[in-house]
Amino acid sequence: MAKEGMRKSGNPNAVENWVAKQKSKALHIGTYEAAIENMLRQLDTQRQVETQYYLYRVNLHQTSIVTPGVNQEPKSILGDMTLPELGLTPEGIYRYINQFEDEGSISLAIGKEAIASVQRITIPLLPDTSSLSKKIERELDAAETRKPQSQQDVLETIRKRPLMTNPYEETAQNLWDELSQSLPERLRPKFCRARDPRIRDEGNEAYSKVLPAA
């Protein structure tokens, strides 16, 4: 569909030009921490909860050309920059200070010819049979049996119905908060936001929304 749209744009070389630009984009590599933060961001904003994620260990050619100094992070809506925009050759390496993921660390924008080898490492998924998975399942099952309770608030008379608690959602949030305690403090909010959104759509949330008028 995208190809057809480009071909109908009036530019007979639109698809080829797009492909050439994509191939000229710099590749971004950084620290382990930056990779994990990038994964959490995708889980939060793109909801790729069933995606298998991988870490990539990259070895660079010793003969690669490194631009002098450490630069500010390239500005782009999607973080995409072409090699010419960065003044790089396909063997080039551009160092910059990461402002968003593992803030303050040094990341690299590189041409693909700078890469000597790549090792792919699977990030393991937590098995459903693990003790931690079973603990989470038990607590959420128990929360599903608890009825929501009325909460007094200043808008209750305007709303004409009480504001209700949601034991299922509250338990899920508490579980994720507990899990997040093993992470650095700055990562905890990202980890909690990245949890599977289906958890918020299960259990007794309906009690909180469908109530008879007072």
C-alpha atoms as a PDB file:
ATOM      1  CA  MET A   1       0.000   0.000   0.000  1.00  0.00           C
ATOM      2  CA  ALA A   2       2.816   2.417   0.896  1.00  0.00           C
ATOM      3  CA  LYS A   3       4.627   1.503  -2.314  1.00  0.00           C
ATOM      4  CA  GLU A   4       1.535   2.173  -4.410  1.00  0.00           C
ATOM      5  CA  GLY A   5       1.085   5.548  -2.732  1.00  0.00           C
ATOM      6  CA  MET A   6       4.661   6.526  -3.531  1.00  0.00           C
ATOM      7  CA  ARG A   7       4.384   5.336  -7.120  1.00  0.00           C
ATOM      8  CA  LYS A   8       1.240   7.439  -7.563  1.00  0.00           C
ATOM      9  CA  SER A   9       2.938  10.538  -6.165  1.00  0.00           C
ATOM     10  CA  GLY A  10       4.136  11.564  -9.622  1.00  0.00           C
ATOM     11  CA  ASN A  11       7.767  10.766  -8.913  1.00  0.00           C
ATOM     12  CA  PRO A  12       8.689   7.573 -10.819  1.00  0.00           C
ATOM     13  CA  ASN A  13      11.721   7.087  -8.545  1.00  0.00           C
ATOM     14  CA  ALA A  14       9.869   7.636  -5.254  1.00  0.00           C
ATOM     15  CA  VAL A  15      10.213   4.047  -4.014  1.00  0.00           C
ATOM     16  CA  GLU A  16      13.856   3.753  -5.022  1.00  0.00           C
ATOM     17  CA  ASN A  17      14.664   7.105  -3.375  1.00  0.00           C
ATOM     18  CA  TRP A  18      12.927   6.013  -0.167  1.00  0.00           C
ATOM     19  CA  VAL A  19      14.834   2.718  -0.108  1.00  0.00           C
ATOM     20  CA  ALA A  20      18.132   4.518  -0.692  1.00  0.00           C
ATOM     21  CA  LYS A  21      17.431   6.916   2.182  1.00  0.00           C
ATOM     22  CA  GLN A  22      16.552   4.064   4.534  1.00  0.00           C
ATOM     23  CA  LYS A  23      19.812   2.334   3.685  1.00  0.00           C
ATOM     24  CA  SER A  24      21.762   5.523   4.348  1.00  0.00           C
ATOM     25  CA  LYS A  25      20.483   5.869   7.925  1.00  0.00           C
ATOM     26  CA  ALA A  26      22.951   5.538  10.757  1.00  0.00           C
ATOM     27  CA  LEU A  27      22.655   2.561  13.102  1.00  0.00           C
ATOM     28  CA  HIS A  28      22.473   3.355  16.822  1.00  0.00           C
ATOM     29  CA  ILE A  29      24.268   1.289  19.460  1.00  0.00           C
ATOM     30  CA  GLY A  30      24.723   2.031  23.132  1.00  0.00           C
ATOM     31  CA  THR A  31      24.975   0.562  26.604  1.00  0.00           C
ATOM     32  CA  TYR A  32      23.107  -2.440  27.991  1.00  0.00           C
ATOM     33  CA  GLU A  33      21.091  -0.030  30.147  1.00  0.00           C
ATOM     34  CA  ALA A  34      20.088   2.053  27.124  1.00  0.00           C
ATOM     35  CA  ALA A  35      18.884  -1.090  25.329  1.00  0.00           C
ATOM     36  CA  ILE A  36      16.716  -2.102  28.298  1.00  0.00           C
ATOM     37  CA  GLU A  37      15.235   1.404  28.564  1.00  0.00           C
ATOM     38  CA  ASN A  38      14.480   1.316  24.841  1.00  0.00           C
ATOM     39  CA  MET A  39      12.665  -1.988  25.340  1.00  0.00           C
ATOM     40  CA  LEU A  40      10.610  -0.565  28.224  1.00  0.00           C
ATOM     41  CA  ARG A  41       9.721   2.479  26.114  1.00  0.00           C
ATOM     42  CA  GLN A  42       8.433   0.250  23.330  1.00  0.00           C
ATOM     43  CA  LEU A  43       6.421  -1.820  25.797  1.00  0.00           C
ATOM     44  CA  ASP A  44       4.914   1.396  27.186  1.00  0.00           C
ATOM     45  CA  THR A  45       4.213   3.348  23.988  1.00  0.00           C
ATOM     46  CA  GLN A  46       3.843   0.616  21.354  1.00  0.00           C
ATOM     47  CA  ARG A  47       2.378  -2.133  23.545  1.00  0.00           C
ATOM     48  CA  GLN A  48       4.519  -4.866  22.025  1.00  0.00           C
ATOM     49  CA  VAL A  49       3.875  -7.097  25.029  1.00  0.00           C
ATOM     50  CA  GLU A  50       4.198 -10.417  23.193  1.00  0.00           C
ATOM     51  CA  THR A  51       7.293  -9.480  21.218  1.00  0.00           C
ATOM     52  CA  GLN A  52      10.475 -11.463  21.785  1.00  0.00           C
ATOM     53  CA  TYR A  53      13.278  -8.994  22.503  1.00  0.00           C
ATOM     54  CA  TYR A  54      16.988  -9.468  21.927  1.00  0.00           C
ATOM     55  CA  LEU A  55      20.219  -7.805  22.975  1.00  0.00           C
ATOM     56  CA  TYR A  56      22.957  -7.402  20.391  1.00  0.00           C
ATOM     57  CA  ARG A  57      26.639  -7.366  21.294  1.00  0.00           C
ATOM     58  CA  VAL A  58      28.503  -5.473  18.570  1.00  0.00           C
ATOM     59  CA  ASN A  59      32.217  -5.580  17.778  1.00  0.00           C
ATOM     60  CA  LEU A  60      33.544  -2.699  15.697  1.00  0.00           C
ATOM     61  CA  HIS A  61      36.386  -2.718  13.239  1.00  0.00           C
ATOM     62  CA  GLN A  62      39.562  -1.271  14.756  1.00  0.00           C
ATOM     63  CA  THR A  63      40.086   0.602  11.511  1.00  0.00           C
ATOM     64  CA  SER A  64      36.709   2.352  11.723  1.00  0.00           C
ATOM     65  CA  ILE A  65      36.825   6.121  11.428  1.00  0.00           C
ATOM     66  CA  VAL A  66      35.776   7.881  14.649  1.00  0.00           C
ATOM     67  CA  THR A  67      34.718  11.520  14.367  1.00  0.00           C
ATOM     68  CA  PRO A  68      36.509  13.766  16.895  1.00  0.00           C
ATOM     69  CA  GLY A  69      34.899  14.729  20.189  1.00  0.00           C
ATOM     70  CA  VAL A  70      31.642  13.695  21.832  1.00  0.00           C
ATOM     71  CA  ASN A  71      28.616  15.426  20.354  1.00  0.00           C
ATOM     72  CA  GLN A  72      25.111  16.327  21.437  1.00  0.00           C
ATOM     73  CA  GLU A  73      22.469  13.733  20.575  1.00  0.00           C
ATOM     74  CA  PRO A  74      21.289  14.171  16.964  1.00  0.00           C
ATOM     75  CA  LYS A  75      17.920  15.885  16.746  1.00  0.00           C
ATOM     76  CA  SER A  76      15.249  13.993  14.853  1.00  0.00           C
ATOM     77  CA  ILE A  77      11.584  13.223  15.513  1.00  0.00           C
ATOM     78  CA  LEU A  78      12.204   9.475  15.257  1.00  0.00           C
ATOM     79  CA  GLY A  79      15.905   9.490  16.091  1.00  0.00           C
ATOM     80  CA  ASP A  80      16.719   8.677  12.465  1.00  0.00           C
ATOM     81  CA  MET A  81      19.703  10.424  10.924  1.00  0.00           C
ATOM     82  CA  THR A  82      21.419   9.646   7.646  1.00  0.00           C
ATOM     83  CA  LEU A  83      25.168   9.205   7.375  1.00  0.00           C
ATOM     84  CA  PRO A  84      25.570  12.349   5.211  1.00  0.00           C
ATOM     85  CA  GLU A  85      23.657  14.400   7.804  1.00  0.00           C
ATOM     86  CA  LEU A  86      26.188  13.300  10.421  1.00  0.00           C
ATOM     87  CA  GLY A  87      29.142  13.698   8.082  1.00  0.00           C
ATOM     88  CA  LEU A  88      29.868   9.963   8.192  1.00  0.00           C
ATOM     89  CA  THR A  89      31.134   7.447   5.689  1.00  0.00           C
ATOM     90  CA  PRO A  90      29.814   3.839   5.821  1.00  0.00           C
ATOM     91  CA  GLU A  91      32.824   3.036   8.077  1.00  0.00           C
ATOM     92  CA  GLY A  92      32.257   6.041  10.325  1.00  0.00           C
ATOM     93  CA  ILE A  93      31.445   6.294  14.045  1.00  0.00           C
ATOM     94  CA  TYR A  94      29.743   9.335  15.600  1.00  0.00           C
ATOM     95  CA  ARG A  95      29.800   9.571  19.399  1.00  0.00           C
ATOM     96  CA  TYR A  96      27.023  11.426  21.250  1.00  0.00           C
ATOM     97  CA  ILE A  97      25.673  11.934  24.758  1.00  0.00           C
ATOM     98  CA  ASN A  98      22.431  10.037  25.271  1.00  0.00           C
ATOM     99  CA  GLN A  99      19.708  12.327  26.622  1.00  0.00           C
ATOM    100  CA  PHE A 100      16.789   9.910  26.819  1.00  0.00           C
ATOM    101  CA  GLU A 101      17.905   6.326  27.498  1.00  0.00           C
ATOM    102  CA  ASP A 102      20.632   5.692  30.079  1.00  0.00           C
ATOM    103  CA  GLU A 103      20.890   9.458  30.235  1.00  0.00           C
ATOM    104  CA  GLY A 104      24.443  10.778  30.182  1.00  0.00           C
ATOM    105  CA  SER A 105      25.957   7.630  28.700  1.00  0.00           C
ATOM    106  CA  ILE A 106      27.818   7.606  25.386  1.00  0.00           C
ATOM    107  CA  SER A 107      26.006   6.083  22.409  1.00  0.00           C
ATOM    108  CA  LEU A 108      27.212   5.660  18.855  1.00  0.00           C
ATOM    109  CA  ALA A 109      25.678   6.376  15.474  1.00  0.00           C
ATOM    110  CA  ILE A 110      27.549   4.259  12.960  1.00  0.00           C
ATOM    111  CA  GLY A 111      27.677   3.134   9.361  1.00  0.00           C
ATOM    112  CA  LYS A 112      27.128  -0.563   8.796  1.00  0.00           C
ATOM    113  CA  GLU A 113      30.646  -1.035   7.443  1.00  0.00           C
ATOM    114  CA  ALA A 114      31.993  -0.163  10.902  1.00  0.00           C
ATOM    115  CA  ILE A 115      30.611  -3.428  12.285  1.00  0.00           C
ATOM    116  CA  ALA A 116      33.001  -6.368  12.484  1.00  0.00           C
ATOM    117  CA  SER A 117      30.619  -8.897  14.081  1.00  0.00           C
ATOM    118  CA  VAL A 118      27.314  -9.158  15.954  1.00  0.00           C
ATOM    119  CA  GLN A 119      26.152 -11.578  18.626  1.00  0.00           C
ATOM    120  CA  ARG A 120      22.417 -11.891  19.359  1.00  0.00           C
ATOM    121  CA  ILE A 121      21.322 -12.675  22.920  1.00  0.00           C
ATOM    122  CA  THR A 122      17.716 -13.602  23.688  1.00  0.00           C
ATOM    123  CA  ILE A 123      16.089 -11.784  26.601  1.00  0.00           C
ATOM    124  CA  PRO A 124      14.305 -14.653  28.384  1.00  0.00           C
ATOM    125  CA  LEU A 125      10.583 -14.464  29.032  1.00  0.00           C
ATOM    126  CA  LEU A 126       9.299 -15.386  32.489  1.00  0.00           C
ATOM    127  CA  PRO A 127       7.764 -18.894  32.189  1.00  0.00           C
ATOM    128  CA  ASP A 128       4.126 -19.261  33.234  1.00  0.00           C
ATOM    129  CA  THR A 129       5.237 -22.102  35.501  1.00  0.00           C
ATOM    130  CA  SER A 130       7.795 -20.039  37.434  1.00  0.00           C
ATOM    131  CA  SER A 131       7.219 -19.419  41.138  1.00  0.00           C
ATOM    132  CA  LEU A 132       6.979 -15.668  40.527  1.00  0.00           C
ATOM    133  CA  SER A 133       4.373 -16.118  37.784  1.00  0.00           C
ATOM    134  CA  LYS A 134       2.365 -18.401  40.058  1.00  0.00           C
ATOM    135  CA  LYS A 135       2.538 -15.884  42.909  1.00  0.00           C
ATOM    136  CA  ILE A 136       1.244 -13.096  40.656  1.00  0.00           C
ATOM    137  CA  GLU A 137      -1.532 -15.361  39.354  1.00  0.00           C
ATOM    138  CA  ARG A 138      -2.635 -16.320  42.890  1.00  0.00           C
ATOM    139  CA  GLU A 139      -2.778 -12.727  44.094  1.00  0.00           C
ATOM    140  CA  LEU A 140      -4.709 -11.532  41.054  1.00  0.00           C
ATOM    141  CA  ASP A 141      -7.146 -14.437  41.359  1.00  0.00           C
ATOM    142  CA  ALA A 142      -7.716 -13.523  45.009  1.00  0.00           C
ATOM    143  CA  ALA A 143      -8.229  -9.860  44.098  1.00  0.00           C
ATOM    144  CA  GLU A 144     -10.892 -10.855  41.572  1.00  0.00           C
ATOM    145  CA  THR A 145     -13.040 -12.243  44.401  1.00  0.00           C
ATOM    146  CA  ARG A 146     -12.969  -9.004  46.416  1.00  0.00           C
ATOM    147  CA  LYS A 147     -15.815  -6.600  45.735  1.00  0.00           C
ATOM    148  CA  PRO A 148     -15.013  -2.945  45.037  1.00  0.00           C
ATOM    149  CA  GLN A 149     -15.723  -0.529  47.860  1.00  0.00           C
ATOM    150  CA  SER A 150     -17.268   2.916  47.715  1.00  0.00           C
ATOM    151  CA  GLN A 151     -14.847   5.842  48.040  1.00  0.00           C
ATOM    152  CA  GLN A 152     -16.116   9.145  49.359  1.00  0.00           C
ATOM    153  CA  ASP A 153     -15.067  12.103  47.240  1.00  0.00           C
ATOM    154  CA  VAL A 154     -16.151  15.703  46.695  1.00  0.00           C
ATOM    155  CA  LEU A 155     -17.649  14.990  43.248  1.00  0.00           C
ATOM    156  CA  GLU A 156     -19.880  12.142  44.386  1.00  0.00           C
ATOM    157  CA  THR A 157     -23.061  14.259  44.456  1.00  0.00           C
ATOM    158  CA  ILE A 158     -22.349  15.617  40.967  1.00  0.00           C
ATOM    159  CA  ARG A 159     -21.531  12.186  39.617  1.00  0.00           C
ATOM    160  CA  LYS A 160     -24.666  10.751  41.275  1.00  0.00           C
ATOM    161  CA  ARG A 161     -22.844   7.518  41.925  1.00  0.00           C
ATOM    162  CA  PRO A 162     -19.991   6.590  44.259  1.00  0.00           C
ATOM    163  CA  LEU A 163     -16.409   6.291  43.080  1.00  0.00           C
ATOM    164  CA  MET A 164     -15.444   2.643  43.453  1.00  0.00           C
ATOM    165  CA  THR A 165     -12.167   0.941  44.177  1.00  0.00           C
ATOM    166  CA  ASN A 166     -10.836  -1.690  41.790  1.00  0.00           C
ATOM    167  CA  PRO A 167      -9.186  -4.457  43.847  1.00  0.00           C
ATOM    168  CA  TYR A 168      -7.859  -6.223  40.746  1.00  0.00           C
ATOM    169  CA  GLU A 169      -6.139  -3.169  39.278  1.00  0.00           C
ATOM    170  CA  GLU A 170      -4.854  -2.048  42.680  1.00  0.00           C
ATOM    171  CA  THR A 171      -3.357  -5.496  43.354  1.00  0.00           C
ATOM    172  CA  ALA A 172      -1.731  -5.559  39.920  1.00  0.00           C
ATOM    173  CA  GLN A 173      -0.229  -2.126  40.520  1.00  0.00           C
ATOM    174  CA  ASN A 174       1.089  -3.178  43.933  1.00  0.00           C
ATOM    175  CA  LEU A 175       2.671  -6.310  42.430  1.00  0.00           C
ATOM    176  CA  TRP A 176       4.439  -4.308  39.740  1.00  0.00           C
ATOM    177  CA  ASP A 177       5.572  -1.717  42.263  1.00  0.00           C
ATOM    178  CA  GLU A 178       7.032  -4.559  44.339  1.00  0.00           C
ATOM    179  CA  LEU A 179       8.826  -6.030  41.337  1.00  0.00           C
ATOM    180  CA  SER A 180      10.207  -2.631  40.394  1.00  0.00           C
ATOM    181  CA  GLN A 181      12.033  -2.252  43.718  1.00  0.00           C
ATOM    182  CA  SER A 182      14.931  -4.329  42.392  1.00  0.00           C
ATOM    183  CA  LEU A 183      15.525  -1.751  39.627  1.00  0.00           C
ATOM    184  CA  PRO A 184      17.338   1.598  39.791  1.00  0.00           C
ATOM    185  CA  GLU A 185      14.910   4.255  40.995  1.00  0.00           C
ATOM    186  CA  ARG A 186      14.828   6.139  37.692  1.00  0.00           C
ATOM    187  CA  LEU A 187      13.715   2.975  35.859  1.00  0.00           C
ATOM    188  CA  ARG A 188      10.855   2.063  38.185  1.00  0.00           C
ATOM    189  CA  PRO A 189       8.170   4.326  36.632  1.00  0.00           C
ATOM    190  CA  LYS A 190       9.095   3.113  33.122  1.00  0.00           C
ATOM    191  CA  PHE A 191       8.922  -0.509  34.237  1.00  0.00           C
ATOM    192  CA  CYS A 192       5.485  -0.033  35.844  1.00  0.00           C
ATOM    193  CA  ARG A 193       4.093   1.765  32.779  1.00  0.00           C
ATOM    194  CA  ALA A 194       5.383  -1.012  30.512  1.00  0.00           C
ATOM    195  CA  ARG A 195       3.340  -3.786  32.120  1.00  0.00           C
ATOM    196  CA  ASP A 196       0.874  -5.708  30.000  1.00  0.00           C
ATOM    197  CA  PRO A 197      -2.173  -3.416  29.426  1.00  0.00           C
ATOM    198  CA  ARG A 198      -4.473  -6.448  29.365  1.00  0.00           C
ATOM    199  CA  ILE A 199      -4.129  -6.610  33.144  1.00  0.00           C
ATOM    200  CA  ARG A 200      -6.139  -3.409  33.366  1.00  0.00           C
ATOM    201  CA  ASP A 201      -8.898  -4.939  31.233  1.00  0.00           C
ATOM    202  CA  GLU A 202      -9.343  -8.107  33.267  1.00  0.00           C
ATOM    203  CA  GLY A 203     -10.759  -8.971  36.652  1.00  0.00           C
ATOM    204  CA  ASN A 204     -13.488  -6.911  38.298  1.00  0.00           C
ATOM    205  CA  GLU A 205     -12.808  -3.558  36.652  1.00  0.00           C
ATOM    206  CA  ALA A 206     -16.374  -3.655  35.296  1.00  0.00           C
ATOM    207  CA  TYR A 207     -17.642  -3.146  38.859  1.00  0.00           C
ATOM    208  CA  SER A 208     -16.023   0.261  38.888  1.00  0.00           C
ATOM    209  CA  LYS A 209     -17.712   1.394  35.674  1.00  0.00           C
ATOM    210  CA  VAL A 210     -21.166  -0.181  35.550  1.00  0.00           C
ATOM    211  CA  LEU A 211     -23.109   0.851  38.650  1.00  0.00           C
ATOM    212  CA  PRO A 212     -26.745   1.829  39.183  1.00  0.00           C
ATOM    213  CA  ALA A 213     -27.355   5.542  39.611  1.00  0.00           C
ATOM    214  CA  ALA A 214     -27.691   6.608  43.238  1.00  0.00           C
END
